[in-house]
Amino acid sequence: MAKKLHIKKGDTVIVISGESKGQKGRVLEVDRKNLRAIVEGVNLVSKHQKPNAAYPQGGIIKKEAPIHISNLMLVDPKTNKPTRIGRKLNSEGKLVRYSKKSGEEIK
């Protein structure tokens, strides 16, 4: 079974190491099996695209490549700074993620 991760699709994250360090973006996809995520506008690679229905012109296109989740940190919704994540039971008894920096619940 795949491990539970600190980030989900739709989260805003910041890259904390690697070539794209310091860049922010929204998570488009998470691969739990390989512990990787695709982040909007981060870790762009050039792909040589043959002409097809989607790209009738073809040529070289920029595309987001997966980045390891250990290089990503969630952005605190309150302070807009990177934060670590904890899990706790809310008032309804549901397990939710919260920001360790501000204590704010993450939707």
Protein backbone atom coordinates (compact mmCIF):
# COMPACT_ATOMS: atom_id res chain seq x y z
CA MET A 1 0.00 0.00 0.00
CA ALA A 2 1.19 3.52 -0.85
CA LYS A 3 2.26 5.75 2.04
CA LYS A 4 0.16 8.72 3.21
CA LEU A 5 1.82 11.96 2.10
CA HIS A 6 1.96 15.51 3.44
CA ILE A 7 0.82 17.02 0.13
CA LYS A 8 -2.31 16.53 -1.97
CA LYS A 9 -3.50 17.57 -5.41
CA GLY A 10 -4.48 21.26 -5.35
CA ASP A 11 -2.10 22.26 -2.51
CA THR A 12 0.20 25.26 -2.94
CA VAL A 13 3.80 24.19 -2.37
CA ILE A 14 7.28 25.70 -2.46
CA VAL A 15 10.38 23.89 -3.71
CA ILE A 16 12.98 23.73 -0.93
CA SER A 17 15.88 22.15 -2.84
CA GLY A 18 17.11 21.40 -6.33
CA GLU A 19 17.25 23.41 -9.54
CA SER A 20 13.81 24.99 -9.02
CA LYS A 21 14.50 26.03 -5.38
CA GLY A 22 12.28 28.86 -4.13
CA GLN A 23 9.57 28.45 -6.77
CA LYS A 24 5.92 28.23 -5.75
CA GLY A 25 3.17 26.38 -7.55
CA ARG A 26 -0.02 24.34 -7.31
CA VAL A 27 0.21 20.55 -7.21
CA LEU A 28 -1.40 19.13 -10.37
CA GLU A 29 -0.80 15.43 -9.72
CA VAL A 30 0.69 13.19 -7.01
CA ASP A 31 2.27 9.78 -7.68
CA ARG A 32 2.09 8.06 -4.29
CA LYS A 33 3.86 4.92 -5.52
CA ASN A 34 7.03 6.75 -6.65
CA LEU A 35 6.72 9.62 -4.09
CA ARG A 36 6.69 12.27 -6.80
CA ALA A 37 4.47 15.23 -7.68
CA ILE A 38 3.93 17.43 -10.71
CA VAL A 39 3.83 21.11 -9.75
CA GLU A 40 2.45 23.81 -12.05
CA GLY A 41 5.27 25.87 -13.64
CA VAL A 42 8.06 24.12 -11.68
CA ASN A 43 10.80 21.73 -12.91
CA LEU A 44 10.17 22.49 -16.59
CA VAL A 45 11.83 20.28 -19.20
CA SER A 46 12.02 20.65 -22.98
CA LYS A 47 10.22 17.92 -24.88
CA HIS A 48 10.60 17.38 -28.62
CA GLN A 49 7.03 16.95 -29.83
CA LYS A 50 6.15 15.39 -33.18
CA PRO A 51 3.19 17.03 -34.91
CA ASN A 52 -0.14 15.48 -33.87
CA ALA A 53 -3.78 16.53 -33.40
CA ALA A 54 -3.04 18.33 -30.11
CA TYR A 55 0.15 20.03 -31.43
CA PRO A 56 -0.28 20.37 -35.22
CA GLN A 57 2.91 22.48 -35.41
CA GLY A 58 5.11 20.11 -33.35
CA GLY A 59 8.46 21.49 -32.17
CA ILE A 60 9.99 21.86 -28.71
CA ILE A 61 7.51 22.36 -25.87
CA LYS A 62 8.09 23.10 -22.18
CA LYS A 63 6.49 20.57 -19.85
CA GLU A 64 6.44 20.03 -16.06
CA ALA A 65 8.43 16.99 -14.93
CA PRO A 66 7.74 15.13 -11.66
CA ILE A 67 9.67 16.31 -8.61
CA HIS A 68 10.33 14.24 -5.47
CA ILE A 69 7.97 15.15 -2.62
CA SER A 70 10.89 15.47 -0.16
CA ASN A 71 11.89 18.59 -2.12
CA LEU A 72 8.45 20.17 -1.60
CA MET A 73 7.01 21.95 1.42
CA LEU A 74 3.42 23.07 1.87
CA VAL A 75 2.73 26.82 2.03
CA ASP A 76 0.94 27.97 5.21
CA PRO A 77 -2.46 29.46 4.24
CA LYS A 78 -2.19 32.14 6.96
CA THR A 79 1.45 33.34 6.74
CA ASN A 80 2.18 32.33 3.11
CA LYS A 81 5.47 30.76 4.27
CA PRO A 82 6.62 27.10 4.07
CA THR A 83 5.44 24.95 6.97
CA ARG A 84 5.53 21.41 8.24
CA ILE A 85 2.34 19.40 8.49
CA GLY A 86 0.70 17.63 11.41
CA ARG A 87 -2.48 15.60 11.69
CA LYS A 88 -5.06 15.95 14.45
CA LEU A 89 -8.73 15.25 15.11
CA ASN A 90 -11.02 18.24 14.58
CA SER A 91 -14.22 19.04 16.49
CA GLU A 92 -16.23 16.55 14.37
CA GLY A 93 -13.71 13.77 15.14
CA LYS A 94 -12.28 13.79 11.60
CA LEU A 95 -8.50 13.54 11.02
CA VAL A 96 -7.32 16.77 9.37
CA ARG A 97 -3.99 18.27 8.33
CA TYR A 98 -2.83 21.42 10.12
CA SER A 99 0.06 23.84 9.80
CA LYS A 100 2.73 23.43 12.50
CA LYS A 101 3.65 27.13 12.13
CA SER A 102 0.26 28.80 12.62
CA GLY A 103 -1.89 25.91 13.84
CA GLU A 104 -4.32 26.67 10.99
CA GLU A 105 -6.29 23.76 9.55
CA ILE A 106 -5.45 22.96 5.91
CA LYS A 107 -8.43 22.41 3.64
